[in-house]
Amino acid sequence: MPDAIGTTSHAHSIAPMLVAFSCEPRGVCCSCGARRTAHSAANLVDRVLPDVPRRQWVLSAPLDLRLTMAREATLLSAVVRIFCSEIERLFVTWRFRST
């Protein structure tokens, strides 16, 4: 009889046993991927990254450009290079303003 935790299996067993739901193909399941991502982020924050202020930069692109960048690595590299150089230029501008 199935329940909220898993399912009961009778195949190849003498007595019924409870088998938890799991995903066989690792890296595809949304639930497992989210759990691994949260665990990796917590590990980075707790053990790897120093406790200093940080900024998060997000590059947003139109859907057709995102799809093209996903297919063409050279285009993606060029866009990321331009994005990083613009952020660097912004930091240099901020540094000269504060002095």
Foldseek 3Di string as FASTA:
>chain_A
DDDDAAGWDDPPDPDIDGDGDDDDDPPPDPVNVVVVVVVVVVCCVPPNDDPDDDDDDDDDDDPVVVVVCVVDVVSVVVVVVVVVVVVVVVVVVVVVVVD
